[in-house]
Protein backbone atom coordinates (compact mmCIF):
# COMPACT_ATOMS: atom_id res chain seq x y z
CA MET A 1 -4.35 -19.47 -10.54
CA LYS A 2 -7.62 -17.80 -9.64
CA THR A 3 -9.53 -19.29 -12.57
CA LEU A 4 -7.94 -22.72 -12.02
CA LEU A 5 -8.97 -22.62 -8.36
CA ASP A 6 -12.47 -21.38 -9.15
CA HIS A 7 -13.02 -24.28 -11.59
CA GLY A 8 -11.66 -27.03 -9.34
CA PHE A 9 -8.24 -27.58 -10.94
CA LEU A 10 -6.29 -26.59 -7.80
CA HIS A 11 -6.65 -27.76 -4.22
CA GLY A 12 -7.36 -24.55 -2.34
CA ASP A 13 -6.32 -26.04 0.99
CA CYS A 14 -2.66 -26.52 -0.05
CA LEU A 15 -0.23 -24.38 1.93
CA THR A 16 2.00 -21.96 0.03
CA VAL A 17 5.30 -20.28 0.94
CA THR A 18 3.29 -17.43 2.45
CA GLY A 19 2.06 -19.77 5.18
CA ARG A 20 -1.49 -19.38 3.89
CA THR A 21 -3.48 -21.68 1.64
CA ILE A 22 -3.92 -21.13 -2.07
CA ALA A 23 -7.58 -20.26 -1.45
CA GLU A 24 -6.59 -17.64 1.13
CA ASN A 25 -4.04 -16.11 -1.23
CA MET A 26 -6.53 -16.03 -4.12
CA LYS A 27 -9.43 -14.63 -2.06
CA THR A 28 -8.78 -11.00 -3.03
CA VAL A 29 -7.64 -11.67 -6.61
CA LYS A 30 -10.12 -10.37 -9.17
CA TRP A 31 -10.41 -11.76 -12.72
CA ASN A 32 -9.98 -9.14 -15.43
CA PRO A 33 -12.51 -10.01 -18.16
CA ASP A 34 -11.10 -7.31 -20.47
CA GLN A 35 -7.73 -9.02 -20.98
CA ASP A 36 -7.14 -11.71 -23.62
CA VAL A 37 -3.83 -13.21 -22.52
CA VAL A 38 -5.02 -15.77 -19.97
CA TYR A 39 -8.22 -17.62 -20.85
CA PRO A 40 -10.73 -18.62 -18.17
CA ALA A 41 -10.54 -22.30 -17.23
CA ASP A 42 -14.07 -22.92 -18.48
CA LYS A 43 -13.24 -21.46 -21.94
CA PRO A 44 -9.77 -22.78 -22.82
CA LEU A 45 -8.05 -21.93 -26.09
CA SER A 46 -7.74 -25.68 -26.76
CA PRO A 47 -9.04 -28.76 -24.95
CA THR A 48 -5.58 -30.21 -24.23
CA GLY A 49 -3.17 -27.32 -23.88
CA GLY A 50 0.23 -27.28 -25.58
CA VAL A 51 1.33 -30.83 -24.71
CA VAL A 52 -0.44 -34.17 -24.39
CA GLY A 53 0.46 -37.64 -23.18
CA LEU A 54 1.02 -40.30 -25.82
CA ARG A 55 0.61 -44.05 -25.49
CA GLY A 56 0.77 -46.77 -28.10
CA ASN A 57 3.16 -49.13 -29.81
CA LEU A 58 5.71 -46.32 -30.28
CA ALA A 59 5.52 -45.29 -26.62
CA PRO A 60 4.35 -48.24 -24.49
CA GLU A 61 5.55 -46.50 -21.32
CA GLY A 62 4.19 -43.15 -22.47
CA ALA A 63 5.67 -40.00 -23.93
CA ILE A 64 4.92 -36.30 -24.05
CA VAL A 65 4.12 -34.70 -27.40
CA LYS A 66 4.06 -30.99 -28.23
CA VAL A 67 0.78 -30.36 -30.04
CA ALA A 68 0.53 -26.58 -29.90
CA GLY A 69 -0.75 -25.33 -33.23
CA MET A 70 -1.75 -28.75 -34.55
CA ALA A 71 -5.23 -29.21 -35.99
CA GLY A 72 -5.61 -32.96 -35.38
CA LEU A 73 -4.47 -35.05 -32.44
CA ARG A 74 -4.92 -38.51 -33.95
CA PHE A 75 -2.45 -39.93 -36.44
CA SER A 76 -2.24 -43.25 -38.13
CA GLY A 77 0.32 -44.38 -40.63
CA PRO A 78 3.70 -46.01 -41.01
CA ALA A 79 6.28 -44.67 -38.55
CA ARG A 80 9.56 -43.31 -39.86
CA CYS A 81 11.88 -43.32 -36.84
CA PHE A 82 14.98 -41.13 -36.72
CA ASP A 83 17.81 -41.24 -34.18
CA GLY A 84 17.86 -37.53 -33.52
CA GLU A 85 16.50 -34.33 -35.00
CA GLU A 86 19.34 -33.95 -37.53
CA ALA A 87 18.50 -37.27 -39.23
CA CYS A 88 14.82 -36.31 -39.44
CA PHE A 89 15.69 -32.92 -40.91
CA GLU A 90 17.80 -34.61 -43.60
CA ALA A 91 14.86 -36.86 -44.56
CA VAL A 92 12.57 -33.84 -44.76
CA LYS A 93 15.10 -31.82 -46.74
CA ASN A 94 15.62 -34.71 -49.17
CA ARG A 95 11.92 -35.62 -49.23
CA THR A 96 12.62 -39.26 -48.43
CA TYR A 97 9.28 -39.82 -46.73
CA ARG A 98 5.79 -40.30 -48.07
CA GLU A 99 2.56 -38.46 -47.39
CA GLY A 100 0.93 -40.11 -44.39
CA ASP A 101 4.20 -41.16 -42.76
CA VAL A 102 4.51 -40.31 -39.07
CA LEU A 103 7.93 -38.82 -38.41
CA VAL A 104 9.29 -39.89 -35.00
CA ILE A 105 12.41 -38.33 -33.49
CA ARG A 106 14.02 -40.65 -30.92
CA TYR A 107 16.72 -39.95 -28.36
CA GLU A 108 15.72 -36.34 -27.74
CA GLY A 109 14.30 -34.86 -24.58
CA PRO A 110 15.34 -34.96 -20.92
CA LYS A 111 17.11 -38.33 -21.19
CA GLY A 112 18.54 -38.14 -24.68
CA GLY A 113 18.62 -34.55 -25.88
CA PRO A 114 18.92 -32.75 -23.60
CA ALA A 115 15.39 -31.34 -23.72
CA CYS A 116 15.05 -31.49 -27.51
CA VAL A 117 16.60 -28.03 -27.83
CA LYS A 118 16.35 -27.83 -31.62
CA CYS A 119 13.29 -30.04 -32.17
CA CYS A 120 10.60 -28.39 -34.23
CA ARG A 121 12.84 -25.49 -35.08
CA PRO A 122 11.32 -23.22 -37.71
CA PRO A 123 13.25 -24.67 -40.70
CA LEU A 124 11.99 -28.20 -39.99
CA ARG A 125 8.40 -27.10 -39.34
CA SER A 126 8.23 -24.83 -42.37
CA THR A 127 9.84 -27.44 -44.65
CA VAL A 128 7.33 -30.10 -43.58
CA ARG A 129 4.39 -27.70 -43.98
CA ALA A 130 5.56 -26.47 -47.39
CA TRP A 131 6.07 -30.00 -48.68
CA ALA A 132 2.73 -31.18 -47.24
CA ALA A 133 0.95 -28.25 -48.89
CA ARG A 134 2.49 -29.12 -52.27
CA SER A 135 1.52 -32.79 -51.83
CA ARG A 136 -2.21 -32.04 -51.54
């Protein structure tokens, strides 16, 4: 919170449960430059963090996408839509998609899932990566 406050990402005048403001609570907090767990706000590990907002013809009202560990954040290609993670996993397992296809899992998340509990589980991720590597 200290680094977020220091770089203008938090409103320091907001009251907390202590009855003091965030700025007051953070006044005595010292940043430890020798640790490598939390990055300073001016030197983030990635420009977007682990999730980003998505808009476009697949999500006209918007959606949240987990992008942690991804190299690129822009995709273009034919969408292969699946009604749930199990259907997508079957397509990956059976290799019934083409290189360049964008795999979309619908009906998962807070409204449909709940919370996409199994989405991006290791078997699905590793299968997609392994097949993509062989396709190059």
